[in-house]
Each structure stands twice: as structure tokens, then as C-alpha cells.
Amino acid sequence: MTTMVCFTAAGNAYCLPVAAVRSVGTTDGMVDLPDPADDVTGILPGDPTMTVISPLGAGGSRLLVIETGDTTFGLLVDEVTGLRKIRDADIRSAPRGQDRSLVCGTLDPDDGPLLLVVDPIALAGRL
């Protein structure tokens, strides 16, 4: 079993392993960059400054703080919907046709919409 953080972004339902999520917050105080890279929304002041990305098309004000290896960043999402324990055997393969390998699997639960499983390492690669 893997515990996942579930969230929505741009009308889709997603999840990613809770082990990669450090906290949930807001974009209060976010500063826009004048010439951001693709998917970069802005930065949050602090020590160190944290880059915020939005590769899933979210326009919300919720933020998942994600850590993979030595990289910490913010992922902009619309809403965090909760935690869910998922059997690894229930996760299906990644969908074909992606330009980027952000979605590493799918889950079709009986009690809700299709969940797209997001790879936190692939997200970090968007920086």
C-alpha cells in the first residue's frame, strides 16, 4: 500500500506519493518572475527561495511543497482533496501520448473520478 496525496488541477484529479510531500500551503507572497521558464509560475520568498511550478495547468492558490532528493519546490494546484491508501497493484500503466512523462500511472477507483498518478521526480525535472 502507498499513501497518496490527492488533489485537483485544471479539472483533473491527481495523486502523488505522500512521502514526497512536505507540506500544503498557499501562494500568499508569491513573486512573479519577469521571464520565467516553461511551467514556472513564480517564487516564494524564504530561505531558501522556493520555485513554484504549474505543469498541470492549475490556476489555483493552493501549493504542495514537494521534495525529491535535494530539490524542494512548490506545485500549484486548485484543491487538495485528501489522502488515500492505494494498493500498488491497482495502479495501471502510464497513458500513451504524453509529451512529458509527468503521469506515471492511472487509478480508476470505484468511488470517484479517474486519478492520474504524478511522478514527483518528473515534476522536479520541469525546473
C-alpha atoms as a PDB file:
ATOM      1  CA  MET A   1       0.000   0.000   0.000  1.00  0.00           C
ATOM      2  CA  THR A   2       1.116   3.509  -0.802  1.00  0.00           C
ATOM      3  CA  THR A   3      -0.432   6.576   0.772  1.00  0.00           C
ATOM      4  CA  MET A   4      -1.113   9.263  -1.815  1.00  0.00           C
ATOM      5  CA  VAL A   5      -1.998  12.935  -1.561  1.00  0.00           C
ATOM      6  CA  CYS A   6      -4.969  13.581  -3.849  1.00  0.00           C
ATOM      7  CA  PHE A   7      -5.596  16.946  -5.485  1.00  0.00           C
ATOM      8  CA  THR A   8      -7.225  18.630  -8.452  1.00  0.00           C
ATOM      9  CA  ALA A   9      -5.695  20.838 -11.114  1.00  0.00           C
ATOM     10  CA  ALA A  10      -7.372  22.246 -14.225  1.00  0.00           C
ATOM     11  CA  GLY A  11     -10.416  19.994 -13.789  1.00  0.00           C
ATOM     12  CA  ASN A  12      -8.487  16.720 -13.441  1.00  0.00           C
ATOM     13  CA  ALA A  13      -7.936  14.535 -10.373  1.00  0.00           C
ATOM     14  CA  TYR A  14      -4.346  13.650  -9.481  1.00  0.00           C
ATOM     15  CA  CYS A  15      -2.362  11.965  -6.744  1.00  0.00           C
ATOM     16  CA  LEU A  16       1.270  11.571  -5.782  1.00  0.00           C
ATOM     17  CA  PRO A  17       3.069   9.715  -3.009  1.00  0.00           C
ATOM     18  CA  VAL A  18       2.735  11.392   0.383  1.00  0.00           C
ATOM     19  CA  ALA A  19       6.415  10.610   1.023  1.00  0.00           C
ATOM     20  CA  ALA A  20       7.333  13.364  -1.481  1.00  0.00           C
ATOM     21  CA  VAL A  21       5.026  16.000   0.028  1.00  0.00           C
ATOM     22  CA  ARG A  22       6.468  18.163   2.805  1.00  0.00           C
ATOM     23  CA  SER A  23       3.508  20.477   3.393  1.00  0.00           C
ATOM     24  CA  VAL A  24       0.407  22.120   1.962  1.00  0.00           C
ATOM     25  CA  GLY A  25       0.167  25.887   1.827  1.00  0.00           C
ATOM     26  CA  THR A  26      -0.938  28.854  -0.216  1.00  0.00           C
ATOM     27  CA  THR A  27       0.686  31.127  -2.759  1.00  0.00           C
ATOM     28  CA  ASP A  28       0.453  34.142  -0.453  1.00  0.00           C
ATOM     29  CA  GLY A  29       3.513  36.302  -1.091  1.00  0.00           C
ATOM     30  CA  MET A  30       4.439  34.638  -4.392  1.00  0.00           C
ATOM     31  CA  VAL A  31       6.510  36.848  -6.685  1.00  0.00           C
ATOM     32  CA  ASP A  32       6.241  36.609 -10.469  1.00  0.00           C
ATOM     33  CA  LEU A  33       9.454  36.193 -12.428  1.00  0.00           C
ATOM     34  CA  PRO A  34       9.840  38.611 -15.350  1.00  0.00           C
ATOM     35  CA  ASP A  35      10.879  35.906 -17.858  1.00  0.00           C
ATOM     36  CA  PRO A  36      10.009  32.514 -16.352  1.00  0.00           C
ATOM     37  CA  ALA A  37      10.868  29.151 -17.848  1.00  0.00           C
ATOM     38  CA  ASP A  38       8.000  26.991 -19.099  1.00  0.00           C
ATOM     39  CA  ASP A  39       5.817  25.793 -16.225  1.00  0.00           C
ATOM     40  CA  VAL A  40       7.392  28.178 -13.682  1.00  0.00           C
ATOM     41  CA  THR A  41       4.720  30.330 -12.049  1.00  0.00           C
ATOM     42  CA  GLY A  42       6.891  32.311  -9.652  1.00  0.00           C
ATOM     43  CA  ILE A  43       8.952  32.145  -6.488  1.00  0.00           C
ATOM     44  CA  LEU A  44       8.135  32.265  -2.806  1.00  0.00           C
ATOM     45  CA  PRO A  45      10.487  34.295  -0.617  1.00  0.00           C
ATOM     46  CA  GLY A  46      12.233  32.436   2.169  1.00  0.00           C
ATOM     47  CA  ASP A  47      15.494  30.796   2.985  1.00  0.00           C
ATOM     48  CA  PRO A  48      15.964  29.363   0.505  1.00  0.00           C
ATOM     49  CA  THR A  49      13.665  30.935  -2.078  1.00  0.00           C
ATOM     50  CA  MET A  50      11.271  28.281  -3.451  1.00  0.00           C
ATOM     51  CA  THR A  51      10.343  27.996  -7.118  1.00  0.00           C
ATOM     52  CA  VAL A  52       6.652  27.330  -7.837  1.00  0.00           C
ATOM     53  CA  ILE A  53       5.696  25.348 -10.935  1.00  0.00           C
ATOM     54  CA  SER A  54       2.374  24.711 -12.644  1.00  0.00           C
ATOM     55  CA  PRO A  55       2.901  21.994 -15.294  1.00  0.00           C
ATOM     56  CA  LEU A  56      -0.576  20.521 -14.719  1.00  0.00           C
ATOM     57  CA  GLY A  57      -2.370  23.674 -15.848  1.00  0.00           C
ATOM     58  CA  ALA A  58      -3.538  24.691 -12.408  1.00  0.00           C
ATOM     59  CA  GLY A  59      -4.561  28.230 -11.726  1.00  0.00           C
ATOM     60  CA  GLY A  60      -5.411  27.788  -8.079  1.00  0.00           C
ATOM     61  CA  SER A  61      -3.874  29.227  -4.959  1.00  0.00           C
ATOM     62  CA  ARG A  62      -3.034  26.003  -3.113  1.00  0.00           C
ATOM     63  CA  LEU A  63       0.529  24.793  -3.002  1.00  0.00           C
ATOM     64  CA  LEU A  64       2.017  21.363  -2.424  1.00  0.00           C
ATOM     65  CA  VAL A  65       5.609  21.648  -1.227  1.00  0.00           C
ATOM     66  CA  ILE A  66       7.419  18.700  -2.795  1.00  0.00           C
ATOM     67  CA  GLU A  67      10.866  17.327  -2.051  1.00  0.00           C
ATOM     68  CA  THR A  68      12.724  14.872  -4.263  1.00  0.00           C
ATOM     69  CA  GLY A  69      16.343  14.199  -3.394  1.00  0.00           C
ATOM     70  CA  ASP A  70      17.929  17.598  -2.826  1.00  0.00           C
ATOM     71  CA  THR A  71      15.258  19.526  -4.753  1.00  0.00           C
ATOM     72  CA  THR A  72      12.371  21.283  -2.984  1.00  0.00           C
ATOM     73  CA  PHE A  73       9.736  23.167  -4.963  1.00  0.00           C
ATOM     74  CA  GLY A  74       6.110  24.203  -4.923  1.00  0.00           C
ATOM     75  CA  LEU A  75       3.426  22.651  -7.140  1.00  0.00           C
ATOM     76  CA  LEU A  76       0.446  24.901  -7.828  1.00  0.00           C
ATOM     77  CA  VAL A  77      -2.876  23.043  -7.551  1.00  0.00           C
ATOM     78  CA  ASP A  78      -6.531  24.009  -7.357  1.00  0.00           C
ATOM     79  CA  GLU A  79      -7.518  21.970  -4.311  1.00  0.00           C
ATOM     80  CA  VAL A  80      -6.043  19.296  -2.061  1.00  0.00           C
ATOM     81  CA  THR A  81      -8.784  16.701  -1.630  1.00  0.00           C
ATOM     82  CA  GLY A  82      -7.207  14.357   0.924  1.00  0.00           C
ATOM     83  CA  LEU A  83      -5.150  11.246   1.489  1.00  0.00           C
ATOM     84  CA  ARG A  84      -5.853   7.815   0.038  1.00  0.00           C
ATOM     85  CA  LYS A  85      -4.214   4.431   0.605  1.00  0.00           C
ATOM     86  CA  ILE A  86      -3.693   2.738  -2.744  1.00  0.00           C
ATOM     87  CA  ARG A  87      -2.600  -0.798  -3.469  1.00  0.00           C
ATOM     88  CA  ASP A  88       0.361  -0.696  -5.855  1.00  0.00           C
ATOM     89  CA  ALA A  89      -1.271  -3.480  -7.902  1.00  0.00           C
ATOM     90  CA  ASP A  90      -4.269  -1.197  -8.589  1.00  0.00           C
ATOM     91  CA  ILE A  91      -2.153   1.416 -10.378  1.00  0.00           C
ATOM     92  CA  ARG A  92      -2.295   0.925 -14.131  1.00  0.00           C
ATOM     93  CA  SER A  93       0.442   1.861 -16.571  1.00  0.00           C
ATOM     94  CA  ALA A  94       1.092   5.390 -17.714  1.00  0.00           C
ATOM     95  CA  PRO A  95      -1.103   6.621 -20.550  1.00  0.00           C
ATOM     96  CA  ARG A  96       0.397   6.876 -24.020  1.00  0.00           C
ATOM     97  CA  GLY A  97       0.643  10.146 -25.874  1.00  0.00           C
ATOM     98  CA  GLN A  98       2.331  12.321 -23.252  1.00  0.00           C
ATOM     99  CA  ASP A  99       4.865  14.887 -24.390  1.00  0.00           C
ATOM    100  CA  ARG A 100       6.286  14.797 -20.882  1.00  0.00           C
ATOM    101  CA  SER A 101       6.293  11.844 -18.529  1.00  0.00           C
ATOM    102  CA  LEU A 102       4.550  13.642 -15.672  1.00  0.00           C
ATOM    103  CA  VAL A 103       1.847  10.979 -15.301  1.00  0.00           C
ATOM    104  CA  CYS A 104       3.371   7.618 -14.392  1.00  0.00           C
ATOM    105  CA  GLY A 105       0.115   5.685 -13.942  1.00  0.00           C
ATOM    106  CA  THR A 106      -3.650   5.804 -13.594  1.00  0.00           C
ATOM    107  CA  LEU A 107      -6.101   4.610 -10.989  1.00  0.00           C
ATOM    108  CA  ASP A 108      -9.792   4.073 -11.640  1.00  0.00           C
ATOM    109  CA  PRO A 109     -11.419   3.994  -8.187  1.00  0.00           C
ATOM    110  CA  ASP A 110     -14.993   2.794  -7.717  1.00  0.00           C
ATOM    111  CA  ASP A 111     -15.870   5.851  -5.642  1.00  0.00           C
ATOM    112  CA  GLY A 112     -14.644   8.723  -7.795  1.00  0.00           C
ATOM    113  CA  PRO A 113     -13.072  10.019 -10.974  1.00  0.00           C
ATOM    114  CA  LEU A 114     -10.024   8.610 -12.738  1.00  0.00           C
ATOM    115  CA  LEU A 115      -6.873   9.568 -10.819  1.00  0.00           C
ATOM    116  CA  LEU A 116      -3.692  10.416 -12.697  1.00  0.00           C
ATOM    117  CA  VAL A 117      -0.637   9.376 -10.694  1.00  0.00           C
ATOM    118  CA  VAL A 118       2.054  12.045 -10.924  1.00  0.00           C
ATOM    119  CA  ASP A 119       5.773  11.300 -10.754  1.00  0.00           C
ATOM    120  CA  PRO A 120       7.424  13.776  -8.340  1.00  0.00           C
ATOM    121  CA  ILE A 121      10.850  13.263  -9.957  1.00  0.00           C
ATOM    122  CA  ALA A 122       9.413  14.140 -13.375  1.00  0.00           C
ATOM    123  CA  LEU A 123       7.840  17.239 -11.798  1.00  0.00           C
ATOM    124  CA  ALA A 124      11.249  18.290 -10.447  1.00  0.00           C
ATOM    125  CA  GLY A 125      12.573  17.915 -13.985  1.00  0.00           C
ATOM    126  CA  ARG A 126      10.318  20.817 -15.034  1.00  0.00           C
ATOM    127  CA  LEU A 127      12.502  23.249 -13.074  1.00  0.00           C
END
